[in-house]
Amino acid sequence: NSLKPEEKAEYFCSAGGVEFYWGQG
């Protein structure tokens, strides 16, 4: 909410456990 222009970015999901994983964004 209340997004700001400087928050323009690629947003990534991650999952962390024994290993770490990324989404494509």
PDBML (XML) file of the C-alpha atoms, coordinates in Angstrom:
<?xml version="1.0" encoding="UTF-8" ?>
<PDBx:datablock datablockName="MODEL"
   xmlns:PDBx="http://pdbml.pdb.org/schema/pdbx-v50.xsd"
   xmlns:xsi="http://www.w3.org/2001/XMLSchema-instance"
   xsi:schemaLocation="http://pdbml.pdb.org/schema/pdbx-v50.xsd pdbx-v50.xsd">
   <PDBx:atom_siteCategory>
      <PDBx:atom_site id="1">
         <PDBx:B_iso_or_equiv>0.00</PDBx:B_iso_or_equiv>
         <PDBx:Cartn_x>0.000</PDBx:Cartn_x>
         <PDBx:Cartn_y>0.000</PDBx:Cartn_y>
         <PDBx:Cartn_z>0.000</PDBx:Cartn_z>
         <PDBx:auth_asym_id>A</PDBx:auth_asym_id>
         <PDBx:auth_atom_id>CA</PDBx:auth_atom_id>
         <PDBx:auth_comp_id>ASN</PDBx:auth_comp_id>
         <PDBx:auth_seq_id>1</PDBx:auth_seq_id>
         <PDBx:group_PDB>ATOM</PDBx:group_PDB>
         <PDBx:label_alt_id xsi:nil="true" />
         <PDBx:label_asym_id>A</PDBx:label_asym_id>
         <PDBx:label_atom_id>CA</PDBx:label_atom_id>
         <PDBx:label_comp_id>ASN</PDBx:label_comp_id>
         <PDBx:label_entity_id>1</PDBx:label_entity_id>
         <PDBx:label_seq_id>1</PDBx:label_seq_id>
         <PDBx:occupancy>1.00</PDBx:occupancy>
         <PDBx:pdbx_PDB_model_num>1</PDBx:pdbx_PDB_model_num>
         <PDBx:type_symbol>C</PDBx:type_symbol>
      </PDBx:atom_site>
      <PDBx:atom_site id="2">
         <PDBx:B_iso_or_equiv>0.00</PDBx:B_iso_or_equiv>
         <PDBx:Cartn_x>0.968</PDBx:Cartn_x>
         <PDBx:Cartn_y>3.648</PDBx:Cartn_y>
         <PDBx:Cartn_z>-0.386</PDBx:Cartn_z>
         <PDBx:auth_asym_id>A</PDBx:auth_asym_id>
         <PDBx:auth_atom_id>CA</PDBx:auth_atom_id>
         <PDBx:auth_comp_id>SER</PDBx:auth_comp_id>
         <PDBx:auth_seq_id>2</PDBx:auth_seq_id>
         <PDBx:group_PDB>ATOM</PDBx:group_PDB>
         <PDBx:label_alt_id xsi:nil="true" />
         <PDBx:label_asym_id>A</PDBx:label_asym_id>
         <PDBx:label_atom_id>CA</PDBx:label_atom_id>
         <PDBx:label_comp_id>SER</PDBx:label_comp_id>
         <PDBx:label_entity_id>1</PDBx:label_entity_id>
         <PDBx:label_seq_id>2</PDBx:label_seq_id>
         <PDBx:occupancy>1.00</PDBx:occupancy>
         <PDBx:pdbx_PDB_model_num>1</PDBx:pdbx_PDB_model_num>
         <PDBx:type_symbol>C</PDBx:type_symbol>
      </PDBx:atom_site>
      <PDBx:atom_site id="3">
         <PDBx:B_iso_or_equiv>0.00</PDBx:B_iso_or_equiv>
         <PDBx:Cartn_x>3.516</PDBx:Cartn_x>
         <PDBx:Cartn_y>2.800</PDBx:Cartn_y>
         <PDBx:Cartn_z>-3.056</PDBx:Cartn_z>
         <PDBx:auth_asym_id>A</PDBx:auth_asym_id>
         <PDBx:auth_atom_id>CA</PDBx:auth_atom_id>
         <PDBx:auth_comp_id>LEU</PDBx:auth_comp_id>
         <PDBx:auth_seq_id>3</PDBx:auth_seq_id>
         <PDBx:group_PDB>ATOM</PDBx:group_PDB>
         <PDBx:label_alt_id xsi:nil="true" />
         <PDBx:label_asym_id>A</PDBx:label_asym_id>
         <PDBx:label_atom_id>CA</PDBx:label_atom_id>
         <PDBx:label_comp_id>LEU</PDBx:label_comp_id>
         <PDBx:label_entity_id>1</PDBx:label_entity_id>
         <PDBx:label_seq_id>3</PDBx:label_seq_id>
         <PDBx:occupancy>1.00</PDBx:occupancy>
         <PDBx:pdbx_PDB_model_num>1</PDBx:pdbx_PDB_model_num>
         <PDBx:type_symbol>C</PDBx:type_symbol>
      </PDBx:atom_site>
      <PDBx:atom_site id="4">
         <PDBx:B_iso_or_equiv>0.00</PDBx:B_iso_or_equiv>
         <PDBx:Cartn_x>6.205</PDBx:Cartn_x>
         <PDBx:Cartn_y>5.335</PDBx:Cartn_y>
         <PDBx:Cartn_z>-3.871</PDBx:Cartn_z>
         <PDBx:auth_asym_id>A</PDBx:auth_asym_id>
         <PDBx:auth_atom_id>CA</PDBx:auth_atom_id>
         <PDBx:auth_comp_id>LYS</PDBx:auth_comp_id>
         <PDBx:auth_seq_id>4</PDBx:auth_seq_id>
         <PDBx:group_PDB>ATOM</PDBx:group_PDB>
         <PDBx:label_alt_id xsi:nil="true" />
         <PDBx:label_asym_id>A</PDBx:label_asym_id>
         <PDBx:label_atom_id>CA</PDBx:label_atom_id>
         <PDBx:label_comp_id>LYS</PDBx:label_comp_id>
         <PDBx:label_entity_id>1</PDBx:label_entity_id>
         <PDBx:label_seq_id>4</PDBx:label_seq_id>
         <PDBx:occupancy>1.00</PDBx:occupancy>
         <PDBx:pdbx_PDB_model_num>1</PDBx:pdbx_PDB_model_num>
         <PDBx:type_symbol>C</PDBx:type_symbol>
      </PDBx:atom_site>
      <PDBx:atom_site id="5">
         <PDBx:B_iso_or_equiv>0.00</PDBx:B_iso_or_equiv>
         <PDBx:Cartn_x>7.870</PDBx:Cartn_x>
         <PDBx:Cartn_y>6.024</PDBx:Cartn_y>
         <PDBx:Cartn_z>-7.225</PDBx:Cartn_z>
         <PDBx:auth_asym_id>A</PDBx:auth_asym_id>
         <PDBx:auth_atom_id>CA</PDBx:auth_atom_id>
         <PDBx:auth_comp_id>PRO</PDBx:auth_comp_id>
         <PDBx:auth_seq_id>5</PDBx:auth_seq_id>
         <PDBx:group_PDB>ATOM</PDBx:group_PDB>
         <PDBx:label_alt_id xsi:nil="true" />
         <PDBx:label_asym_id>A</PDBx:label_asym_id>
         <PDBx:label_atom_id>CA</PDBx:label_atom_id>
         <PDBx:label_comp_id>PRO</PDBx:label_comp_id>
         <PDBx:label_entity_id>1</PDBx:label_entity_id>
         <PDBx:label_seq_id>5</PDBx:label_seq_id>
         <PDBx:occupancy>1.00</PDBx:occupancy>
         <PDBx:pdbx_PDB_model_num>1</PDBx:pdbx_PDB_model_num>
         <PDBx:type_symbol>C</PDBx:type_symbol>
      </PDBx:atom_site>
      <PDBx:atom_site id="6">
         <PDBx:B_iso_or_equiv>0.00</PDBx:B_iso_or_equiv>
         <PDBx:Cartn_x>11.239</PDBx:Cartn_x>
         <PDBx:Cartn_y>4.955</PDBx:Cartn_y>
         <PDBx:Cartn_z>-5.823</PDBx:Cartn_z>
         <PDBx:auth_asym_id>A</PDBx:auth_asym_id>
         <PDBx:auth_atom_id>CA</PDBx:auth_atom_id>
         <PDBx:auth_comp_id>GLU</PDBx:auth_comp_id>
         <PDBx:auth_seq_id>6</PDBx:auth_seq_id>
         <PDBx:group_PDB>ATOM</PDBx:group_PDB>
         <PDBx:label_alt_id xsi:nil="true" />
         <PDBx:label_asym_id>A</PDBx:label_asym_id>
         <PDBx:label_atom_id>CA</PDBx:label_atom_id>
         <PDBx:label_comp_id>GLU</PDBx:label_comp_id>
         <PDBx:label_entity_id>1</PDBx:label_entity_id>
         <PDBx:label_seq_id>6</PDBx:label_seq_id>
         <PDBx:occupancy>1.00</PDBx:occupancy>
         <PDBx:pdbx_PDB_model_num>1</PDBx:pdbx_PDB_model_num>
         <PDBx:type_symbol>C</PDBx:type_symbol>
      </PDBx:atom_site>
      <PDBx:atom_site id="7">
         <PDBx:B_iso_or_equiv>0.00</PDBx:B_iso_or_equiv>
         <PDBx:Cartn_x>9.780</PDBx:Cartn_x>
         <PDBx:Cartn_y>1.524</PDBx:Cartn_y>
         <PDBx:Cartn_z>-5.147</PDBx:Cartn_z>
         <PDBx:auth_asym_id>A</PDBx:auth_asym_id>
         <PDBx:auth_atom_id>CA</PDBx:auth_atom_id>
         <PDBx:auth_comp_id>GLU</PDBx:auth_comp_id>
         <PDBx:auth_seq_id>7</PDBx:auth_seq_id>
         <PDBx:group_PDB>ATOM</PDBx:group_PDB>
         <PDBx:label_alt_id xsi:nil="true" />
         <PDBx:label_asym_id>A</PDBx:label_asym_id>
         <PDBx:label_atom_id>CA</PDBx:label_atom_id>
         <PDBx:label_comp_id>GLU</PDBx:label_comp_id>
         <PDBx:label_entity_id>1</PDBx:label_entity_id>
         <PDBx:label_seq_id>7</PDBx:label_seq_id>
         <PDBx:occupancy>1.00</PDBx:occupancy>
         <PDBx:pdbx_PDB_model_num>1</PDBx:pdbx_PDB_model_num>
         <PDBx:type_symbol>C</PDBx:type_symbol>
      </PDBx:atom_site>
      <PDBx:atom_site id="8">
         <PDBx:B_iso_or_equiv>0.00</PDBx:B_iso_or_equiv>
         <PDBx:Cartn_x>9.769</PDBx:Cartn_x>
         <PDBx:Cartn_y>0.723</PDBx:Cartn_y>
         <PDBx:Cartn_z>-8.832</PDBx:Cartn_z>
         <PDBx:auth_asym_id>A</PDBx:auth_asym_id>
         <PDBx:auth_atom_id>CA</PDBx:auth_atom_id>
         <PDBx:auth_comp_id>LYS</PDBx:auth_comp_id>
         <PDBx:auth_seq_id>8</PDBx:auth_seq_id>
         <PDBx:group_PDB>ATOM</PDBx:group_PDB>
         <PDBx:label_alt_id xsi:nil="true" />
         <PDBx:label_asym_id>A</PDBx:label_asym_id>
         <PDBx:label_atom_id>CA</PDBx:label_atom_id>
         <PDBx:label_comp_id>LYS</PDBx:label_comp_id>
         <PDBx:label_entity_id>1</PDBx:label_entity_id>
         <PDBx:label_seq_id>8</PDBx:label_seq_id>
         <PDBx:occupancy>1.00</PDBx:occupancy>
         <PDBx:pdbx_PDB_model_num>1</PDBx:pdbx_PDB_model_num>
         <PDBx:type_symbol>C</PDBx:type_symbol>
      </PDBx:atom_site>
      <PDBx:atom_site id="9">
         <PDBx:B_iso_or_equiv>0.00</PDBx:B_iso_or_equiv>
         <PDBx:Cartn_x>11.719</PDBx:Cartn_x>
         <PDBx:Cartn_y>-2.515</PDBx:Cartn_y>
         <PDBx:Cartn_z>-8.986</PDBx:Cartn_z>
         <PDBx:auth_asym_id>A</PDBx:auth_asym_id>
         <PDBx:auth_atom_id>CA</PDBx:auth_atom_id>
         <PDBx:auth_comp_id>ALA</PDBx:auth_comp_id>
         <PDBx:auth_seq_id>9</PDBx:auth_seq_id>
         <PDBx:group_PDB>ATOM</PDBx:group_PDB>
         <PDBx:label_alt_id xsi:nil="true" />
         <PDBx:label_asym_id>A</PDBx:label_asym_id>
         <PDBx:label_atom_id>CA</PDBx:label_atom_id>
         <PDBx:label_comp_id>ALA</PDBx:label_comp_id>
         <PDBx:label_entity_id>1</PDBx:label_entity_id>
         <PDBx:label_seq_id>9</PDBx:label_seq_id>
         <PDBx:occupancy>1.00</PDBx:occupancy>
         <PDBx:pdbx_PDB_model_num>1</PDBx:pdbx_PDB_model_num>
         <PDBx:type_symbol>C</PDBx:type_symbol>
      </PDBx:atom_site>
      <PDBx:atom_site id="10">
         <PDBx:B_iso_or_equiv>0.00</PDBx:B_iso_or_equiv>
         <PDBx:Cartn_x>11.755</PDBx:Cartn_x>
         <PDBx:Cartn_y>-6.163</PDBx:Cartn_y>
         <PDBx:Cartn_z>-9.890</PDBx:Cartn_z>
         <PDBx:auth_asym_id>A</PDBx:auth_asym_id>
         <PDBx:auth_atom_id>CA</PDBx:auth_atom_id>
         <PDBx:auth_comp_id>GLU</PDBx:auth_comp_id>
         <PDBx:auth_seq_id>10</PDBx:auth_seq_id>
         <PDBx:group_PDB>ATOM</PDBx:group_PDB>
         <PDBx:label_alt_id xsi:nil="true" />
         <PDBx:label_asym_id>A</PDBx:label_asym_id>
         <PDBx:label_atom_id>CA</PDBx:label_atom_id>
         <PDBx:label_comp_id>GLU</PDBx:label_comp_id>
         <PDBx:label_entity_id>1</PDBx:label_entity_id>
         <PDBx:label_seq_id>10</PDBx:label_seq_id>
         <PDBx:occupancy>1.00</PDBx:occupancy>
         <PDBx:pdbx_PDB_model_num>1</PDBx:pdbx_PDB_model_num>
         <PDBx:type_symbol>C</PDBx:type_symbol>
      </PDBx:atom_site>
      <PDBx:atom_site id="11">
         <PDBx:B_iso_or_equiv>0.00</PDBx:B_iso_or_equiv>
         <PDBx:Cartn_x>10.221</PDBx:Cartn_x>
         <PDBx:Cartn_y>-8.058</PDBx:Cartn_y>
         <PDBx:Cartn_z>-6.993</PDBx:Cartn_z>
         <PDBx:auth_asym_id>A</PDBx:auth_asym_id>
         <PDBx:auth_atom_id>CA</PDBx:auth_atom_id>
         <PDBx:auth_comp_id>TYR</PDBx:auth_comp_id>
         <PDBx:auth_seq_id>11</PDBx:auth_seq_id>
         <PDBx:group_PDB>ATOM</PDBx:group_PDB>
         <PDBx:label_alt_id xsi:nil="true" />
         <PDBx:label_asym_id>A</PDBx:label_asym_id>
         <PDBx:label_atom_id>CA</PDBx:label_atom_id>
         <PDBx:label_comp_id>TYR</PDBx:label_comp_id>
         <PDBx:label_entity_id>1</PDBx:label_entity_id>
         <PDBx:label_seq_id>11</PDBx:label_seq_id>
         <PDBx:occupancy>1.00</PDBx:occupancy>
         <PDBx:pdbx_PDB_model_num>1</PDBx:pdbx_PDB_model_num>
         <PDBx:type_symbol>C</PDBx:type_symbol>
      </PDBx:atom_site>
      <PDBx:atom_site id="12">
         <PDBx:B_iso_or_equiv>0.00</PDBx:B_iso_or_equiv>
         <PDBx:Cartn_x>11.374</PDBx:Cartn_x>
         <PDBx:Cartn_y>-11.579</PDBx:Cartn_y>
         <PDBx:Cartn_z>-6.225</PDBx:Cartn_z>
         <PDBx:auth_asym_id>A</PDBx:auth_asym_id>
         <PDBx:auth_atom_id>CA</PDBx:auth_atom_id>
         <PDBx:auth_comp_id>PHE</PDBx:auth_comp_id>
         <PDBx:auth_seq_id>12</PDBx:auth_seq_id>
         <PDBx:group_PDB>ATOM</PDBx:group_PDB>
         <PDBx:label_alt_id xsi:nil="true" />
         <PDBx:label_asym_id>A</PDBx:label_asym_id>
         <PDBx:label_atom_id>CA</PDBx:label_atom_id>
         <PDBx:label_comp_id>PHE</PDBx:label_comp_id>
         <PDBx:label_entity_id>1</PDBx:label_entity_id>
         <PDBx:label_seq_id>12</PDBx:label_seq_id>
         <PDBx:occupancy>1.00</PDBx:occupancy>
         <PDBx:pdbx_PDB_model_num>1</PDBx:pdbx_PDB_model_num>
         <PDBx:type_symbol>C</PDBx:type_symbol>
      </PDBx:atom_site>
      <PDBx:atom_site id="13">
         <PDBx:B_iso_or_equiv>0.00</PDBx:B_iso_or_equiv>
         <PDBx:Cartn_x>9.941</PDBx:Cartn_x>
         <PDBx:Cartn_y>-14.334</PDBx:Cartn_y>
         <PDBx:Cartn_z>-4.099</PDBx:Cartn_z>
         <PDBx:auth_asym_id>A</PDBx:auth_asym_id>
         <PDBx:auth_atom_id>CA</PDBx:auth_atom_id>
         <PDBx:auth_comp_id>CYS</PDBx:auth_comp_id>
         <PDBx:auth_seq_id>13</PDBx:auth_seq_id>
         <PDBx:group_PDB>ATOM</PDBx:group_PDB>
         <PDBx:label_alt_id xsi:nil="true" />
         <PDBx:label_asym_id>A</PDBx:label_asym_id>
         <PDBx:label_atom_id>CA</PDBx:label_atom_id>
         <PDBx:label_comp_id>CYS</PDBx:label_comp_id>
         <PDBx:label_entity_id>1</PDBx:label_entity_id>
         <PDBx:label_seq_id>13</PDBx:label_seq_id>
         <PDBx:occupancy>1.00</PDBx:occupancy>
         <PDBx:pdbx_PDB_model_num>1</PDBx:pdbx_PDB_model_num>
         <PDBx:type_symbol>C</PDBx:type_symbol>
      </PDBx:atom_site>
      <PDBx:atom_site id="14">
         <PDBx:B_iso_or_equiv>0.00</PDBx:B_iso_or_equiv>
         <PDBx:Cartn_x>12.314</PDBx:Cartn_x>
         <PDBx:Cartn_y>-16.553</PDBx:Cartn_y>
         <PDBx:Cartn_z>-2.157</PDBx:Cartn_z>
         <PDBx:auth_asym_id>A</PDBx:auth_asym_id>
         <PDBx:auth_atom_id>CA</PDBx:auth_atom_id>
         <PDBx:auth_comp_id>SER</PDBx:auth_comp_id>
         <PDBx:auth_seq_id>14</PDBx:auth_seq_id>
         <PDBx:group_PDB>ATOM</PDBx:group_PDB>
         <PDBx:label_alt_id xsi:nil="true" />
         <PDBx:label_asym_id>A</PDBx:label_asym_id>
         <PDBx:label_atom_id>CA</PDBx:label_atom_id>
         <PDBx:label_comp_id>SER</PDBx:label_comp_id>
         <PDBx:label_entity_id>1</PDBx:label_entity_id>
         <PDBx:label_seq_id>14</PDBx:label_seq_id>
         <PDBx:occupancy>1.00</PDBx:occupancy>
         <PDBx:pdbx_PDB_model_num>1</PDBx:pdbx_PDB_model_num>
         <PDBx:type_symbol>C</PDBx:type_symbol>
      </PDBx:atom_site>
      <PDBx:atom_site id="15">
         <PDBx:B_iso_or_equiv>0.00</PDBx:B_iso_or_equiv>
         <PDBx:Cartn_x>12.153</PDBx:Cartn_x>
         <PDBx:Cartn_y>-19.781</PDBx:Cartn_y>
         <PDBx:Cartn_z>-0.221</PDBx:Cartn_z>
         <PDBx:auth_asym_id>A</PDBx:auth_asym_id>
         <PDBx:auth_atom_id>CA</PDBx:auth_atom_id>
         <PDBx:auth_comp_id>ALA</PDBx:auth_comp_id>
         <PDBx:auth_seq_id>15</PDBx:auth_seq_id>
         <PDBx:group_PDB>ATOM</PDBx:group_PDB>
         <PDBx:label_alt_id xsi:nil="true" />
         <PDBx:label_asym_id>A</PDBx:label_asym_id>
         <PDBx:label_atom_id>CA</PDBx:label_atom_id>
         <PDBx:label_comp_id>ALA</PDBx:label_comp_id>
         <PDBx:label_entity_id>1</PDBx:label_entity_id>
         <PDBx:label_seq_id>15</PDBx:label_seq_id>
         <PDBx:occupancy>1.00</PDBx:occupancy>
         <PDBx:pdbx_PDB_model_num>1</PDBx:pdbx_PDB_model_num>
         <PDBx:type_symbol>C</PDBx:type_symbol>
      </PDBx:atom_site>
      <PDBx:atom_site id="16">
         <PDBx:B_iso_or_equiv>0.00</PDBx:B_iso_or_equiv>
         <PDBx:Cartn_x>14.752</PDBx:Cartn_x>
         <PDBx:Cartn_y>-20.637</PDBx:Cartn_y>
         <PDBx:Cartn_z>2.380</PDBx:Cartn_z>
         <PDBx:auth_asym_id>A</PDBx:auth_asym_id>
         <PDBx:auth_atom_id>CA</PDBx:auth_atom_id>
         <PDBx:auth_comp_id>GLY</PDBx:auth_comp_id>
         <PDBx:auth_seq_id>16</PDBx:auth_seq_id>
         <PDBx:group_PDB>ATOM</PDBx:group_PDB>
         <PDBx:label_alt_id xsi:nil="true" />
         <PDBx:label_asym_id>A</PDBx:label_asym_id>
         <PDBx:label_atom_id>CA</PDBx:label_atom_id>
         <PDBx:label_comp_id>GLY</PDBx:label_comp_id>
         <PDBx:label_entity_id>1</PDBx:label_entity_id>
         <PDBx:label_seq_id>16</PDBx:label_seq_id>
         <PDBx:occupancy>1.00</PDBx:occupancy>
         <PDBx:pdbx_PDB_model_num>1</PDBx:pdbx_PDB_model_num>
         <PDBx:type_symbol>C</PDBx:type_symbol>
      </PDBx:atom_site>
      <PDBx:atom_site id="17">
         <PDBx:B_iso_or_equiv>0.00</PDBx:B_iso_or_equiv>
         <PDBx:Cartn_x>15.389</PDBx:Cartn_x>
         <PDBx:Cartn_y>-23.854</PDBx:Cartn_y>
         <PDBx:Cartn_z>4.188</PDBx:Cartn_z>
         <PDBx:auth_asym_id>A</PDBx:auth_asym_id>
         <PDBx:auth_atom_id>CA</PDBx:auth_atom_id>
         <PDBx:auth_comp_id>GLY</PDBx:auth_comp_id>
         <PDBx:auth_seq_id>17</PDBx:auth_seq_id>
         <PDBx:group_PDB>ATOM</PDBx:group_PDB>
         <PDBx:label_alt_id xsi:nil="true" />
         <PDBx:label_asym_id>A</PDBx:label_asym_id>
         <PDBx:label_atom_id>CA</PDBx:label_atom_id>
         <PDBx:label_comp_id>GLY</PDBx:label_comp_id>
         <PDBx:label_entity_id>1</PDBx:label_entity_id>
         <PDBx:label_seq_id>17</PDBx:label_seq_id>
         <PDBx:occupancy>1.00</PDBx:occupancy>
         <PDBx:pdbx_PDB_model_num>1</PDBx:pdbx_PDB_model_num>
         <PDBx:type_symbol>C</PDBx:type_symbol>
      </PDBx:atom_site>
      <PDBx:atom_site id="18">
         <PDBx:B_iso_or_equiv>0.00</PDBx:B_iso_or_equiv>
         <PDBx:Cartn_x>18.196</PDBx:Cartn_x>
         <PDBx:Cartn_y>-26.332</PDBx:Cartn_y>
         <PDBx:Cartn_z>3.701</PDBx:Cartn_z>
         <PDBx:auth_asym_id>A</PDBx:auth_asym_id>
         <PDBx:auth_atom_id>CA</PDBx:auth_atom_id>
         <PDBx:auth_comp_id>VAL</PDBx:auth_comp_id>
         <PDBx:auth_seq_id>18</PDBx:auth_seq_id>
         <PDBx:group_PDB>ATOM</PDBx:group_PDB>
         <PDBx:label_alt_id xsi:nil="true" />
         <PDBx:label_asym_id>A</PDBx:label_asym_id>
         <PDBx:label_atom_id>CA</PDBx:label_atom_id>
         <PDBx:label_comp_id>VAL</PDBx:label_comp_id>
         <PDBx:label_entity_id>1</PDBx:label_entity_id>
         <PDBx:label_seq_id>18</PDBx:label_seq_id>
         <PDBx:occupancy>1.00</PDBx:occupancy>
         <PDBx:pdbx_PDB_model_num>1</PDBx:pdbx_PDB_model_num>
         <PDBx:type_symbol>C</PDBx:type_symbol>
      </PDBx:atom_site>
      <PDBx:atom_site id="19">
         <PDBx:B_iso_or_equiv>0.00</PDBx:B_iso_or_equiv>
         <PDBx:Cartn_x>18.608</PDBx:Cartn_x>
         <PDBx:Cartn_y>-24.673</PDBx:Cartn_y>
         <PDBx:Cartn_z>0.300</PDBx:Cartn_z>
         <PDBx:auth_asym_id>A</PDBx:auth_asym_id>
         <PDBx:auth_atom_id>CA</PDBx:auth_atom_id>
         <PDBx:auth_comp_id>GLU</PDBx:auth_comp_id>
         <PDBx:auth_seq_id>19</PDBx:auth_seq_id>
         <PDBx:group_PDB>ATOM</PDBx:group_PDB>
         <PDBx:label_alt_id xsi:nil="true" />
         <PDBx:label_asym_id>A</PDBx:label_asym_id>
         <PDBx:label_atom_id>CA</PDBx:label_atom_id>
         <PDBx:label_comp_id>GLU</PDBx:label_comp_id>
         <PDBx:label_entity_id>1</PDBx:label_entity_id>
         <PDBx:label_seq_id>19</PDBx:label_seq_id>
         <PDBx:occupancy>1.00</PDBx:occupancy>
         <PDBx:pdbx_PDB_model_num>1</PDBx:pdbx_PDB_model_num>
         <PDBx:type_symbol>C</PDBx:type_symbol>
      </PDBx:atom_site>
      <PDBx:atom_site id="20">
         <PDBx:B_iso_or_equiv>0.00</PDBx:B_iso_or_equiv>
         <PDBx:Cartn_x>17.608</PDBx:Cartn_x>
         <PDBx:Cartn_y>-21.292</PDBx:Cartn_y>
         <PDBx:Cartn_z>-1.034</PDBx:Cartn_z>
         <PDBx:auth_asym_id>A</PDBx:auth_asym_id>
         <PDBx:auth_atom_id>CA</PDBx:auth_atom_id>
         <PDBx:auth_comp_id>PHE</PDBx:auth_comp_id>
         <PDBx:auth_seq_id>20</PDBx:auth_seq_id>
         <PDBx:group_PDB>ATOM</PDBx:group_PDB>
         <PDBx:label_alt_id xsi:nil="true" />
         <PDBx:label_asym_id>A</PDBx:label_asym_id>
         <PDBx:label_atom_id>CA</PDBx:label_atom_id>
         <PDBx:label_comp_id>PHE</PDBx:label_comp_id>
         <PDBx:label_entity_id>1</PDBx:label_entity_id>
         <PDBx:label_seq_id>20</PDBx:label_seq_id>
         <PDBx:occupancy>1.00</PDBx:occupancy>
         <PDBx:pdbx_PDB_model_num>1</PDBx:pdbx_PDB_model_num>
         <PDBx:type_symbol>C</PDBx:type_symbol>
      </PDBx:atom_site>
      <PDBx:atom_site id="21">
         <PDBx:B_iso_or_equiv>0.00</PDBx:B_iso_or_equiv>
         <PDBx:Cartn_x>15.410</PDBx:Cartn_x>
         <PDBx:Cartn_y>-20.685</PDBx:Cartn_y>
         <PDBx:Cartn_z>-4.043</PDBx:Cartn_z>
         <PDBx:auth_asym_id>A</PDBx:auth_asym_id>
         <PDBx:auth_atom_id>CA</PDBx:auth_atom_id>
         <PDBx:auth_comp_id>TYR</PDBx:auth_comp_id>
         <PDBx:auth_seq_id>21</PDBx:auth_seq_id>
         <PDBx:group_PDB>ATOM</PDBx:group_PDB>
         <PDBx:label_alt_id xsi:nil="true" />
         <PDBx:label_asym_id>A</PDBx:label_asym_id>
         <PDBx:label_atom_id>CA</PDBx:label_atom_id>
         <PDBx:label_comp_id>TYR</PDBx:label_comp_id>
         <PDBx:label_entity_id>1</PDBx:label_entity_id>
         <PDBx:label_seq_id>21</PDBx:label_seq_id>
         <PDBx:occupancy>1.00</PDBx:occupancy>
         <PDBx:pdbx_PDB_model_num>1</PDBx:pdbx_PDB_model_num>
         <PDBx:type_symbol>C</PDBx:type_symbol>
      </PDBx:atom_site>
      <PDBx:atom_site id="22">
         <PDBx:B_iso_or_equiv>0.00</PDBx:B_iso_or_equiv>
         <PDBx:Cartn_x>14.450</PDBx:Cartn_x>
         <PDBx:Cartn_y>-17.667</PDBx:Cartn_y>
         <PDBx:Cartn_z>-6.133</PDBx:Cartn_z>
         <PDBx:auth_asym_id>A</PDBx:auth_asym_id>
         <PDBx:auth_atom_id>CA</PDBx:auth_atom_id>
         <PDBx:auth_comp_id>TRP</PDBx:auth_comp_id>
         <PDBx:auth_seq_id>22</PDBx:auth_seq_id>
         <PDBx:group_PDB>ATOM</PDBx:group_PDB>
         <PDBx:label_alt_id xsi:nil="true" />
         <PDBx:label_asym_id>A</PDBx:label_asym_id>
         <PDBx:label_atom_id>CA</PDBx:label_atom_id>
         <PDBx:label_comp_id>TRP</PDBx:label_comp_id>
         <PDBx:label_entity_id>1</PDBx:label_entity_id>
         <PDBx:label_seq_id>22</PDBx:label_seq_id>
         <PDBx:occupancy>1.00</PDBx:occupancy>
         <PDBx:pdbx_PDB_model_num>1</PDBx:pdbx_PDB_model_num>
         <PDBx:type_symbol>C</PDBx:type_symbol>
      </PDBx:atom_site>
      <PDBx:atom_site id="23">
         <PDBx:B_iso_or_equiv>0.00</PDBx:B_iso_or_equiv>
         <PDBx:Cartn_x>11.504</PDBx:Cartn_x>
         <PDBx:Cartn_y>-16.915</PDBx:Cartn_y>
         <PDBx:Cartn_z>-8.326</PDBx:Cartn_z>
         <PDBx:auth_asym_id>A</PDBx:auth_asym_id>
         <PDBx:auth_atom_id>CA</PDBx:auth_atom_id>
         <PDBx:auth_comp_id>GLY</PDBx:auth_comp_id>
         <PDBx:auth_seq_id>23</PDBx:auth_seq_id>
         <PDBx:group_PDB>ATOM</PDBx:group_PDB>
         <PDBx:label_alt_id xsi:nil="true" />
         <PDBx:label_asym_id>A</PDBx:label_asym_id>
         <PDBx:label_atom_id>CA</PDBx:label_atom_id>
         <PDBx:label_comp_id>GLY</PDBx:label_comp_id>
         <PDBx:label_entity_id>1</PDBx:label_entity_id>
         <PDBx:label_seq_id>23</PDBx:label_seq_id>
         <PDBx:occupancy>1.00</PDBx:occupancy>
         <PDBx:pdbx_PDB_model_num>1</PDBx:pdbx_PDB_model_num>
         <PDBx:type_symbol>C</PDBx:type_symbol>
      </PDBx:atom_site>
      <PDBx:atom_site id="24">
         <PDBx:B_iso_or_equiv>0.00</PDBx:B_iso_or_equiv>
         <PDBx:Cartn_x>11.920</PDBx:Cartn_x>
         <PDBx:Cartn_y>-15.277</PDBx:Cartn_y>
         <PDBx:Cartn_z>-11.714</PDBx:Cartn_z>
         <PDBx:auth_asym_id>A</PDBx:auth_asym_id>
         <PDBx:auth_atom_id>CA</PDBx:auth_atom_id>
         <PDBx:auth_comp_id>GLN</PDBx:auth_comp_id>
         <PDBx:auth_seq_id>24</PDBx:auth_seq_id>
         <PDBx:group_PDB>ATOM</PDBx:group_PDB>
         <PDBx:label_alt_id xsi:nil="true" />
         <PDBx:label_asym_id>A</PDBx:label_asym_id>
         <PDBx:label_atom_id>CA</PDBx:label_atom_id>
         <PDBx:label_comp_id>GLN</PDBx:label_comp_id>
         <PDBx:label_entity_id>1</PDBx:label_entity_id>
         <PDBx:label_seq_id>24</PDBx:label_seq_id>
         <PDBx:occupancy>1.00</PDBx:occupancy>
         <PDBx:pdbx_PDB_model_num>1</PDBx:pdbx_PDB_model_num>
         <PDBx:type_symbol>C</PDBx:type_symbol>
      </PDBx:atom_site>
      <PDBx:atom_site id="25">
         <PDBx:B_iso_or_equiv>0.00</PDBx:B_iso_or_equiv>
         <PDBx:Cartn_x>10.629</PDBx:Cartn_x>
         <PDBx:Cartn_y>-11.911</PDBx:Cartn_y>
         <PDBx:Cartn_z>-10.534</PDBx:Cartn_z>
         <PDBx:auth_asym_id>A</PDBx:auth_asym_id>
         <PDBx:auth_atom_id>CA</PDBx:auth_atom_id>
         <PDBx:auth_comp_id>GLY</PDBx:auth_comp_id>
         <PDBx:auth_seq_id>25</PDBx:auth_seq_id>
         <PDBx:group_PDB>ATOM</PDBx:group_PDB>
         <PDBx:label_alt_id xsi:nil="true" />
         <PDBx:label_asym_id>A</PDBx:label_asym_id>
         <PDBx:label_atom_id>CA</PDBx:label_atom_id>
         <PDBx:label_comp_id>GLY</PDBx:label_comp_id>
         <PDBx:label_entity_id>1</PDBx:label_entity_id>
         <PDBx:label_seq_id>25</PDBx:label_seq_id>
         <PDBx:occupancy>1.00</PDBx:occupancy>
         <PDBx:pdbx_PDB_model_num>1</PDBx:pdbx_PDB_model_num>
         <PDBx:type_symbol>C</PDBx:type_symbol>
      </PDBx:atom_site>
   </PDBx:atom_siteCategory>
</PDBx:datablock>
